[in-house]
PDB file of all heavy atoms in Angstrom:
ATOM      1  N   SER A   1      20.245 -13.422 -15.811  1.00  0.00           N
ATOM      2  CA  SER A   1      19.595 -14.105 -14.698  1.00  0.00           C
ATOM      3  C   SER A   1      18.303 -14.781 -15.142  1.00  0.00           C
ATOM      4  O   SER A   1      17.436 -14.168 -15.760  1.00  0.00           O
ATOM      5  CB  SER A   1      19.281 -13.104 -13.576  1.00  0.00           C
ATOM      6  OG  SER A   1      20.462 -12.673 -12.958  1.00  0.00           O
ATOM      7  N   ASP A   2      18.202 -16.049 -14.807  1.00  0.00           N
ATOM      8  CA  ASP A   2      16.972 -16.818 -15.013  1.00  0.00           C
ATOM      9  C   ASP A   2      16.269 -16.849 -13.663  1.00  0.00           C
ATOM     10  O   ASP A   2      16.835 -17.340 -12.673  1.00  0.00           O
ATOM     11  CB  ASP A   2      17.301 -18.230 -15.491  1.00  0.00           C
ATOM     12  CG  ASP A   2      16.115 -18.906 -16.148  1.00  0.00           C
ATOM     13  OD1 ASP A   2      14.979 -18.441 -15.939  1.00  0.00           O
ATOM     14  OD2 ASP A   2      16.317 -19.910 -16.852  1.00  0.00           O
ATOM     15  N   THR A   3      15.053 -16.320 -13.603  1.00  0.00           N
ATOM     16  CA  THR A   3      14.406 -16.035 -12.329  1.00  0.00           C
ATOM     17  C   THR A   3      13.221 -16.947 -12.084  1.00  0.00           C
ATOM     18  O   THR A   3      12.357 -17.112 -12.948  1.00  0.00           O
ATOM     19  CB  THR A   3      13.936 -14.567 -12.301  1.00  0.00           C
ATOM     20  OG1 THR A   3      15.065 -13.709 -12.507  1.00  0.00           O
ATOM     21  CG2 THR A   3      13.284 -14.223 -10.975  1.00  0.00           C
ATOM     22  N   VAL A   4      13.190 -17.534 -10.897  1.00  0.00           N
ATOM     23  CA  VAL A   4      12.038 -18.309 -10.451  1.00  0.00           C
ATOM     24  C   VAL A   4      11.685 -17.858  -9.038  1.00  0.00           C
ATOM     25  O   VAL A   4      12.527 -17.339  -8.305  1.00  0.00           O
ATOM     26  CB  VAL A   4      12.305 -19.831 -10.474  1.00  0.00           C
ATOM     27  CG1 VAL A   4      12.475 -20.327 -11.896  1.00  0.00           C
ATOM     28  CG2 VAL A   4      13.533 -20.184  -9.645  1.00  0.00           C
ATOM     29  N   ALA A   5      10.428 -18.073  -8.663  1.00  0.00           N
ATOM     30  CA  ALA A   5       9.994 -17.604  -7.349  1.00  0.00           C
ATOM     31  C   ALA A   5       8.769 -18.383  -6.902  1.00  0.00           C
ATOM     32  O   ALA A   5       8.082 -19.017  -7.709  1.00  0.00           O
ATOM     33  CB  ALA A   5       9.674 -16.107  -7.387  1.00  0.00           C
ATOM     34  N   PHE A   6       8.499 -18.334  -5.604  1.00  0.00           N
ATOM     35  CA  PHE A   6       7.228 -18.805  -5.080  1.00  0.00           C
ATOM     36  C   PHE A   6       6.783 -17.828  -3.997  1.00  0.00           C
ATOM     37  O   PHE A   6       7.556 -16.990  -3.525  1.00  0.00           O
ATOM     38  CB  PHE A   6       7.321 -20.235  -4.539  1.00  0.00           C
ATOM     39  CG  PHE A   6       8.181 -20.393  -3.307  1.00  0.00           C
ATOM     40  CD1 PHE A   6       7.653 -20.235  -2.032  1.00  0.00           C
ATOM     41  CD2 PHE A   6       9.529 -20.719  -3.412  1.00  0.00           C
ATOM     42  CE1 PHE A   6       8.441 -20.382  -0.893  1.00  0.00           C
ATOM     43  CE2 PHE A   6      10.324 -20.874  -2.282  1.00  0.00           C
ATOM     44  CZ  PHE A   6       9.774 -20.702  -1.019  1.00  0.00           C
ATOM     45  N   TRP A   7       5.513 -17.943  -3.604  1.00  0.00           N
ATOM     46  CA  TRP A   7       4.923 -17.008  -2.652  1.00  0.00           C
ATOM     47  C   TRP A   7       4.285 -17.751  -1.494  1.00  0.00           C
ATOM     48  O   TRP A   7       3.766 -18.871  -1.659  1.00  0.00           O
ATOM     49  CB  TRP A   7       3.832 -16.165  -3.332  1.00  0.00           C
ATOM     50  CG  TRP A   7       4.327 -15.202  -4.350  1.00  0.00           C
ATOM     51  CD1 TRP A   7       4.695 -15.476  -5.635  1.00  0.00           C
ATOM     52  CD2 TRP A   7       4.496 -13.790  -4.186  1.00  0.00           C
ATOM     53  NE1 TRP A   7       5.085 -14.327  -6.273  1.00  0.00           N
ATOM     54  CE2 TRP A   7       4.969 -13.277  -5.419  1.00  0.00           C
ATOM     55  CE3 TRP A   7       4.286 -12.914  -3.129  1.00  0.00           C
ATOM     56  CZ2 TRP A   7       5.233 -11.926  -5.603  1.00  0.00           C
ATOM     57  CZ3 TRP A   7       4.545 -11.563  -3.316  1.00  0.00           C
ATOM     58  CH2 TRP A   7       5.023 -11.074  -4.541  1.00  0.00           C
ATOM     59  N   LEU A   8       4.302 -17.106  -0.358  1.00  0.00           N
ATOM     60  CA  LEU A   8       3.479 -17.481   0.787  1.00  0.00           C
ATOM     61  C   LEU A   8       2.522 -16.318   1.013  1.00  0.00           C
ATOM     62  O   LEU A   8       2.954 -15.201   1.300  1.00  0.00           O
ATOM     63  CB  LEU A   8       4.332 -17.728   2.025  1.00  0.00           C
ATOM     64  CG  LEU A   8       5.330 -18.893   1.946  1.00  0.00           C
ATOM     65  CD1 LEU A   8       6.278 -18.862   3.136  1.00  0.00           C
ATOM     66  CD2 LEU A   8       4.608 -20.229   1.878  1.00  0.00           C
ATOM     67  N   LYS A   9       1.217 -16.586   0.869  1.00  0.00           N
ATOM     68  CA  LYS A   9       0.232 -15.508   0.929  1.00  0.00           C
ATOM     69  C   LYS A   9      -0.777 -15.766   2.038  1.00  0.00           C
ATOM     70  O   LYS A   9      -1.279 -16.888   2.189  1.00  0.00           O
ATOM     71  CB  LYS A   9      -0.493 -15.379  -0.413  1.00  0.00           C
ATOM     72  CG  LYS A   9       0.397 -14.924  -1.555  1.00  0.00           C
ATOM     73  CD  LYS A   9      -0.411 -14.498  -2.765  1.00  0.00           C
ATOM     74  CE  LYS A   9       0.483 -13.855  -3.818  1.00  0.00           C
ATOM     75  NZ  LYS A   9      -0.310 -13.272  -4.926  1.00  0.00           N
ATOM     76  N   PRO A  10      -1.106 -14.720   2.809  1.00  0.00           N
ATOM     77  CA  PRO A  10      -2.089 -14.905   3.873  1.00  0.00           C
ATOM     78  C   PRO A  10      -3.478 -15.162   3.296  1.00  0.00           C
ATOM     79  O   PRO A  10      -3.904 -14.510   2.340  1.00  0.00           O
ATOM     80  CB  PRO A  10      -2.036 -13.575   4.636  1.00  0.00           C
ATOM     81  CG  PRO A  10      -1.527 -12.577   3.641  1.00  0.00           C
ATOM     82  CD  PRO A  10      -0.608 -13.335   2.736  1.00  0.00           C
ATOM     83  N   VAL A  11      -4.159 -16.127   3.884  1.00  0.00           N
ATOM     84  CA  VAL A  11      -5.545 -16.432   3.521  1.00  0.00           C
ATOM     85  C   VAL A  11      -6.347 -16.447   4.812  1.00  0.00           C
ATOM     86  O   VAL A  11      -6.314 -17.419   5.574  1.00  0.00           O
ATOM     87  CB  VAL A  11      -5.663 -17.783   2.786  1.00  0.00           C
ATOM     88  CG1 VAL A  11      -7.132 -18.068   2.439  1.00  0.00           C
ATOM     89  CG2 VAL A  11      -4.804 -17.792   1.529  1.00  0.00           C
ATOM     90  N   GLY A  12      -7.025 -15.352   5.084  1.00  0.00           N
ATOM     91  CA  GLY A  12      -7.771 -15.266   6.333  1.00  0.00           C
ATOM     92  C   GLY A  12      -6.896 -15.082   7.554  1.00  0.00           C
ATOM     93  O   GLY A  12      -7.390 -15.146   8.683  1.00  0.00           O
ATOM     94  N   PHE A  13      -5.623 -14.868   7.359  1.00  0.00           N
ATOM     95  CA  PHE A  13      -4.745 -14.570   8.491  1.00  0.00           C
ATOM     96  C   PHE A  13      -5.120 -13.204   9.073  1.00  0.00           C
ATOM     97  O   PHE A  13      -5.020 -12.979  10.277  1.00  0.00           O
ATOM     98  CB  PHE A  13      -3.292 -14.585   8.025  1.00  0.00           C
ATOM     99  CG  PHE A  13      -2.275 -14.499   9.129  1.00  0.00           C
ATOM    100  CD1 PHE A  13      -1.915 -15.632   9.840  1.00  0.00           C
ATOM    101  CD2 PHE A  13      -1.667 -13.291   9.446  1.00  0.00           C
ATOM    102  CE1 PHE A  13      -0.968 -15.563  10.862  1.00  0.00           C
ATOM    103  CE2 PHE A  13      -0.724 -13.212  10.458  1.00  0.00           C
ATOM    104  CZ  PHE A  13      -0.376 -14.351  11.174  1.00  0.00           C
ATOM    105  N   PHE A  14      -5.535 -12.307   8.174  1.00  0.00           N
ATOM    106  CA  PHE A  14      -6.029 -10.989   8.570  1.00  0.00           C
ATOM    107  C   PHE A  14      -7.530 -10.923   8.290  1.00  0.00           C
ATOM    108  O   PHE A  14      -8.063 -11.682   7.475  1.00  0.00           O
ATOM    109  CB  PHE A  14      -5.308  -9.887   7.792  1.00  0.00           C
ATOM    110  CG  PHE A  14      -3.805  -9.928   7.926  1.00  0.00           C
ATOM    111  CD1 PHE A  14      -3.020 -10.490   6.933  1.00  0.00           C
ATOM    112  CD2 PHE A  14      -3.182  -9.404   9.044  1.00  0.00           C
ATOM    113  CE1 PHE A  14      -1.644 -10.522   7.036  1.00  0.00           C
ATOM    114  CE2 PHE A  14      -1.791  -9.425   9.159  1.00  0.00           C
ATOM    115  CZ  PHE A  14      -1.021  -9.995   8.163  1.00  0.00           C
ATOM    116  N   ASP A  15      -8.195  -9.993   8.932  1.00  0.00           N
ATOM    117  CA  ASP A  15      -9.635  -9.825   8.715  1.00  0.00           C
ATOM    118  C   ASP A  15      -9.938  -9.040   7.445  1.00  0.00           C
ATOM    119  O   ASP A  15     -11.058  -9.090   6.929  1.00  0.00           O
ATOM    120  CB  ASP A  15     -10.270  -9.097   9.905  1.00  0.00           C
ATOM    121  CG  ASP A  15     -10.291  -9.949  11.163  1.00  0.00           C
ATOM    122  OD1 ASP A  15      -9.929 -11.138  11.069  1.00  0.00           O
ATOM    123  OD2 ASP A  15     -10.660  -9.427  12.225  1.00  0.00           O
ATOM    124  N   ARG A  16      -8.948  -8.302   6.965  1.00  0.00           N
ATOM    125  CA  ARG A  16      -9.132  -7.471   5.770  1.00  0.00           C
ATOM    126  C   ARG A  16      -7.737  -7.138   5.240  1.00  0.00           C
ATOM    127  O   ARG A  16      -6.734  -7.605   5.796  1.00  0.00           O
ATOM    128  CB  ARG A  16      -9.915  -6.194   6.096  1.00  0.00           C
ATOM    129  CG  ARG A  16      -9.248  -5.306   7.142  1.00  0.00           C
ATOM    130  CD  ARG A  16     -10.152  -4.199   7.619  1.00  0.00           C
ATOM    131  NE  ARG A  16     -11.405  -4.710   8.168  1.00  0.00           N
ATOM    132  CZ  ARG A  16     -11.541  -5.175   9.427  1.00  0.00           C
ATOM    133  NH1 ARG A  16     -10.496  -5.179  10.253  1.00  0.00           N
ATOM    134  NH2 ARG A  16     -12.689  -5.618   9.861  1.00  0.00           N
ATOM    135  N   ASN A  17      -7.698  -6.344   4.198  1.00  0.00           N
ATOM    136  CA  ASN A  17      -6.424  -5.915   3.628  1.00  0.00           C
ATOM    137  C   ASN A  17      -5.576  -5.251   4.721  1.00  0.00           C
ATOM    138  O   ASN A  17      -5.936  -4.179   5.225  1.00  0.00           O
ATOM    139  CB  ASN A  17      -6.681  -4.933   2.487  1.00  0.00           C
ATOM    140  CG  ASN A  17      -5.406  -4.425   1.836  1.00  0.00           C
ATOM    141  OD1 ASN A  17      -4.301  -4.665   2.319  1.00  0.00           O
ATOM    142  ND2 ASN A  17      -5.557  -3.699   0.744  1.00  0.00           N
ATOM    143  N   PRO A  18      -4.455  -5.868   5.127  1.00  0.00           N
ATOM    144  CA  PRO A  18      -3.666  -5.285   6.219  1.00  0.00           C
ATOM    145  C   PRO A  18      -2.881  -4.051   5.815  1.00  0.00           C
ATOM    146  O   PRO A  18      -2.270  -3.406   6.682  1.00  0.00           O
ATOM    147  CB  PRO A  18      -2.723  -6.429   6.607  1.00  0.00           C
ATOM    148  CG  PRO A  18      -2.560  -7.214   5.352  1.00  0.00           C
ATOM    149  CD  PRO A  18      -3.884  -7.139   4.642  1.00  0.00           C
ATOM    150  N   SER A  19      -2.906  -3.706   4.521  1.00  0.00           N
ATOM    151  CA  SER A  19      -2.138  -2.535   4.084  1.00  0.00           C
ATOM    152  C   SER A  19      -3.006  -1.297   3.926  1.00  0.00           C
ATOM    153  O   SER A  19      -2.583  -0.315   3.302  1.00  0.00           O
ATOM    154  CB  SER A  19      -1.420  -2.840   2.762  1.00  0.00           C
ATOM    155  OG  SER A  19      -2.346  -3.073   1.714  1.00  0.00           O
ATOM    156  N   LEU A  20      -4.212  -1.303   4.489  1.00  0.00           N
ATOM    157  CA  LEU A  20      -5.051  -0.103   4.449  1.00  0.00           C
ATOM    158  C   LEU A  20      -4.386   1.076   5.148  1.00  0.00           C
ATOM    159  O   LEU A  20      -4.662   2.236   4.830  1.00  0.00           O
ATOM    160  CB  LEU A  20      -6.407  -0.386   5.106  1.00  0.00           C
ATOM    161  CG  LEU A  20      -7.382  -1.279   4.341  1.00  0.00           C
ATOM    162  CD1 LEU A  20      -8.635  -1.506   5.173  1.00  0.00           C
ATOM    163  CD2 LEU A  20      -7.726  -0.680   2.988  1.00  0.00           C
ATOM    164  N   ASP A  21      -3.516   0.778   6.118  1.00  0.00           N
ATOM    165  CA  ASP A  21      -2.897   1.855   6.888  1.00  0.00           C
ATOM    166  C   ASP A  21      -1.616   2.385   6.265  1.00  0.00           C
ATOM    167  O   ASP A  21      -0.939   3.232   6.860  1.00  0.00           O
ATOM    168  CB  ASP A  21      -2.631   1.390   8.324  1.00  0.00           C
ATOM    169  CG  ASP A  21      -1.704   0.180   8.381  1.00  0.00           C
ATOM    170  OD1 ASP A  21      -1.418  -0.419   7.318  1.00  0.00           O
ATOM    171  OD2 ASP A  21      -1.271  -0.182   9.495  1.00  0.00           O
ATOM    172  N   VAL A  22      -1.251   1.901   5.073  1.00  0.00           N
ATOM    173  CA  VAL A  22      -0.059   2.436   4.405  1.00  0.00           C
ATOM    174  C   VAL A  22      -0.321   3.882   4.011  1.00  0.00           C
ATOM    175  O   VAL A  22      -1.360   4.210   3.423  1.00  0.00           O
ATOM    176  CB  VAL A  22       0.296   1.589   3.165  1.00  0.00           C
ATOM    177  CG1 VAL A  22       1.390   2.269   2.334  1.00  0.00           C
ATOM    178  CG2 VAL A  22       0.754   0.203   3.598  1.00  0.00           C
ATOM    179  N   ALA A  23       0.606   4.758   4.342  1.00  0.00           N
ATOM    180  CA  ALA A  23       0.431   6.183   4.086  1.00  0.00           C
ATOM    181  C   ALA A  23       0.468   6.476   2.595  1.00  0.00           C
ATOM    182  O   ALA A  23       1.162   5.800   1.831  1.00  0.00           O
ATOM    183  CB  ALA A  23       1.526   6.976   4.794  1.00  0.00           C
ATOM    184  N   PRO A  24      -0.277   7.496   2.150  1.00  0.00           N
ATOM    185  CA  PRO A  24      -0.207   7.874   0.733  1.00  0.00           C
ATOM    186  C   PRO A  24       1.167   8.424   0.384  1.00  0.00           C
ATOM    187  O   PRO A  24       1.918   8.871   1.243  1.00  0.00           O
ATOM    188  CB  PRO A  24      -1.289   8.947   0.599  1.00  0.00           C
ATOM    189  CG  PRO A  24      -1.463   9.484   1.977  1.00  0.00           C
ATOM    190  CD  PRO A  24      -1.210   8.336   2.908  1.00  0.00           C
ATOM    191  N   SER A  25       1.481   8.366  -0.900  1.00  0.00           N
ATOM    192  CA  SER A  25       2.763   8.878  -1.368  1.00  0.00           C
ATOM    193  C   SER A  25       2.799  10.393  -1.251  1.00  0.00           C
ATOM    194  O   SER A  25       1.779  11.047  -1.038  1.00  0.00           O
ATOM    195  CB  SER A  25       2.993   8.454  -2.818  1.00  0.00           C
ATOM    196  OG  SER A  25       3.010   7.041  -2.913  1.00  0.00           O
ATOM    197  N   MET A  26       3.979  10.968  -1.422  1.00  0.00           N
ATOM    198  CA  MET A  26       4.174  12.377  -1.110  1.00  0.00           C
ATOM    199  C   MET A  26       3.614  13.312  -2.159  1.00  0.00           C
ATOM    200  O   MET A  26       3.268  14.440  -1.860  1.00  0.00           O
ATOM    201  CB  MET A  26       5.663  12.643  -0.914  1.00  0.00           C
ATOM    202  CG  MET A  26       6.247  11.847   0.244  1.00  0.00           C
ATOM    203  SD  MET A  26       8.016  12.074   0.350  1.00  0.00           S
ATOM    204  CE  MET A  26       8.439  10.791   1.536  1.00  0.00           C
ATOM    205  N   SER A  27       3.532  12.878  -3.398  1.00  0.00           N
ATOM    206  CA  SER A  27       3.021  13.756  -4.447  1.00  0.00           C
ATOM    207  C   SER A  27       1.516  13.908  -4.294  1.00  0.00           C
ATOM    208  O   SER A  27       0.787  12.935  -4.159  1.00  0.00           O
ATOM    209  CB  SER A  27       3.343  13.175  -5.826  1.00  0.00           C
ATOM    210  OG  SER A  27       4.737  13.111  -6.007  1.00  0.00           O
ATOM    211  N   THR A  28       1.018  15.135  -4.342  1.00  0.00           N
ATOM    212  CA  THR A  28      -0.397  15.391  -4.042  1.00  0.00           C
ATOM    213  C   THR A  28      -1.329  14.742  -5.049  1.00  0.00           C
ATOM    214  O   THR A  28      -2.452  14.384  -4.712  1.00  0.00           O
ATOM    215  CB  THR A  28      -0.656  16.903  -4.017  1.00  0.00           C
ATOM    216  OG1 THR A  28      -0.253  17.476  -5.269  1.00  0.00           O
ATOM    217  CG2 THR A  28       0.115  17.557  -2.882  1.00  0.00           C
ATOM    218  N   HIS A  29      -0.881  14.561  -6.285  1.00  0.00           N
ATOM    219  CA  HIS A  29      -1.785  13.990  -7.278  1.00  0.00           C
ATOM    220  C   HIS A  29      -2.062  12.510  -7.011  1.00  0.00           C
ATOM    221  O   HIS A  29      -2.987  11.941  -7.580  1.00  0.00           O
ATOM    222  CB  HIS A  29      -1.218  14.165  -8.692  1.00  0.00           C
ATOM    223  CG  HIS A  29       0.051  13.404  -8.927  1.00  0.00           C
ATOM    224  ND1 HIS A  29       1.295  13.927  -8.666  1.00  0.00           N
ATOM    225  CD2 HIS A  29       0.265  12.151  -9.400  1.00  0.00           C
ATOM    226  CE1 HIS A  29       2.221  13.038  -8.977  1.00  0.00           C
ATOM    227  NE2 HIS A  29       1.635  11.959  -9.419  1.00  0.00           N
ATOM    228  N   CYS A  30      -1.278  11.876  -6.119  1.00  0.00           N
ATOM    229  CA  CYS A  30      -1.502  10.466  -5.823  1.00  0.00           C
ATOM    230  C   CYS A  30      -2.673  10.262  -4.872  1.00  0.00           C
ATOM    231  O   CYS A  30      -3.230   9.181  -4.813  1.00  0.00           O
ATOM    232  CB  CYS A  30      -0.244   9.841  -5.214  1.00  0.00           C
ATOM    233  SG  CYS A  30       1.085   9.636  -6.413  1.00  0.00           S
ATOM    234  N   ALA A  31      -3.032  11.269  -4.098  1.00  0.00           N
ATOM    235  CA  ALA A  31      -4.119  11.117  -3.126  1.00  0.00           C
ATOM    236  C   ALA A  31      -4.842  12.446  -2.976  1.00  0.00           C
ATOM    237  O   ALA A  31      -4.746  13.108  -1.953  1.00  0.00           O
ATOM    238  CB  ALA A  31      -3.580  10.638  -1.786  1.00  0.00           C
ATOM    239  N   PRO A  32      -5.595  12.894  -4.003  1.00  0.00           N
ATOM    240  CA  PRO A  32      -6.197  14.228  -3.964  1.00  0.00           C
ATOM    241  C   PRO A  32      -7.256  14.387  -2.896  1.00  0.00           C
ATOM    242  O   PRO A  32      -7.588  15.505  -2.522  1.00  0.00           O
ATOM    243  CB  PRO A  32      -6.804  14.371  -5.375  1.00  0.00           C
ATOM    244  CG  PRO A  32      -7.000  12.976  -5.852  1.00  0.00           C
ATOM    245  CD  PRO A  32      -5.872  12.192  -5.266  1.00  0.00           C
ATOM    246  N   GLY A  33      -7.781  13.312  -2.383  1.00  0.00           N
ATOM    247  CA  GLY A  33      -8.806  13.422  -1.364  1.00  0.00           C
ATOM    248  C   GLY A  33      -8.269  13.750   0.003  1.00  0.00           C
ATOM    249  O   GLY A  33      -9.032  13.968   0.945  1.00  0.00           O
ATOM    250  N   HIS A  34      -6.945  13.785   0.162  1.00  0.00           N
ATOM    251  CA  HIS A  34      -6.351  14.037   1.470  1.00  0.00           C
ATOM    252  C   HIS A  34      -5.995  15.511   1.629  1.00  0.00           C
ATOM    253  O   HIS A  34      -5.797  16.237   0.650  1.00  0.00           O
ATOM    254  CB  HIS A  34      -5.102  13.160   1.651  1.00  0.00           C
ATOM    255  CG  HIS A  34      -5.433  11.725   1.798  1.00  0.00           C
ATOM    256  ND1 HIS A  34      -5.565  11.093   3.000  1.00  0.00           N
ATOM    257  CD2 HIS A  34      -5.695  10.774   0.854  1.00  0.00           C
ATOM    258  CE1 HIS A  34      -5.870   9.821   2.815  1.00  0.00           C
ATOM    259  NE2 HIS A  34      -5.957   9.603   1.518  1.00  0.00           N
ATOM    260  N   ASP A  35      -5.876  15.926   2.852  1.00  0.00           N
ATOM    261  CA  ASP A  35      -5.570  17.318   3.162  1.00  0.00           C
ATOM    262  C   ASP A  35      -4.224  17.712   2.571  1.00  0.00           C
ATOM    263  O   ASP A  35      -3.236  17.001   2.719  1.00  0.00           O
ATOM    264  CB  ASP A  35      -5.570  17.508   4.687  1.00  0.00           C
ATOM    265  CG  ASP A  35      -5.234  18.941   5.057  1.00  0.00           C
ATOM    266  OD1 ASP A  35      -5.865  19.856   4.512  1.00  0.00           O
ATOM    267  OD2 ASP A  35      -4.327  19.115   5.912  1.00  0.00           O
ATOM    268  N   GLN A  36      -4.215  18.858   1.888  1.00  0.00           N
ATOM    269  CA  GLN A  36      -2.996  19.310   1.222  1.00  0.00           C
ATOM    270  C   GLN A  36      -1.823  19.415   2.191  1.00  0.00           C
ATOM    271  O   GLN A  36      -0.696  19.076   1.853  1.00  0.00           O
ATOM    272  CB  GLN A  36      -3.249  20.678   0.556  1.00  0.00           C
ATOM    273  CG  GLN A  36      -1.994  21.354  -0.005  1.00  0.00           C
ATOM    274  CD  GLN A  36      -1.393  20.593  -1.171  1.00  0.00           C
ATOM    275  OE1 GLN A  36      -2.095  19.990  -1.948  1.00  0.00           O
ATOM    276  NE2 GLN A  36      -0.066  20.602  -1.266  1.00  0.00           N
ATOM    277  N   ALA A  37      -2.101  19.853   3.413  1.00  0.00           N
ATOM    278  CA  ALA A  37      -1.010  20.071   4.364  1.00  0.00           C
ATOM    279  C   ALA A  37      -0.258  18.790   4.654  1.00  0.00           C
ATOM    280  O   ALA A  37       0.933  18.808   4.938  1.00  0.00           O
ATOM    281  CB  ALA A  37      -1.560  20.668   5.664  1.00  0.00           C
ATOM    282  N   SER A  38      -0.971  17.663   4.573  1.00  0.00           N
ATOM    283  CA  SER A  38      -0.304  16.395   4.898  1.00  0.00           C
ATOM    284  C   SER A  38       0.685  16.000   3.824  1.00  0.00           C
ATOM    285  O   SER A  38       1.438  15.050   3.993  1.00  0.00           O
ATOM    286  CB  SER A  38      -1.337  15.278   5.078  1.00  0.00           C
ATOM    287  OG  SER A  38      -1.978  14.998   3.843  1.00  0.00           O
ATOM    288  N   HIS A  39       0.647  16.723   2.674  1.00  0.00           N
ATOM    289  CA  HIS A  39       1.537  16.355   1.570  1.00  0.00           C
ATOM    290  C   HIS A  39       2.589  17.413   1.300  1.00  0.00           C
ATOM    291  O   HIS A  39       3.331  17.316   0.335  1.00  0.00           O
ATOM    292  CB  HIS A  39       0.716  16.112   0.295  1.00  0.00           C
ATOM    293  CG  HIS A  39      -0.313  15.047   0.465  1.00  0.00           C
ATOM    294  ND1 HIS A  39       0.002  13.735   0.667  1.00  0.00           N
ATOM    295  CD2 HIS A  39      -1.668  15.122   0.488  1.00  0.00           C
ATOM    296  CE1 HIS A  39      -1.112  13.036   0.795  1.00  0.00           C
ATOM    297  NE2 HIS A  39      -2.136  13.840   0.700  1.00  0.00           N
ATOM    298  N   ASP A  40       2.622  18.470   2.128  1.00  0.00           N
ATOM    299  CA  ASP A  40       3.634  19.507   1.927  1.00  0.00           C
ATOM    300  C   ASP A  40       4.962  19.036   2.500  1.00  0.00           C
ATOM    301  O   ASP A  40       5.101  18.846   3.703  1.00  0.00           O
ATOM    302  CB  ASP A  40       3.216  20.809   2.610  1.00  0.00           C
ATOM    303  CG  ASP A  40       2.099  21.495   1.839  1.00  0.00           C
ATOM    304  OD1 ASP A  40       1.948  21.194   0.634  1.00  0.00           O
ATOM    305  OD2 ASP A  40       1.383  22.321   2.452  1.00  0.00           O
TER     306      ASP A  40
END
């Protein structure tokens, strides 16, 4: 496969990074600052 691509990217469409609310991954070492119970 010969791959080409283009992007459409928001510029000021949002006030800030809209992915701040993405949940941390399940492994505890990925987000040690979070409560352990949330990763059990």
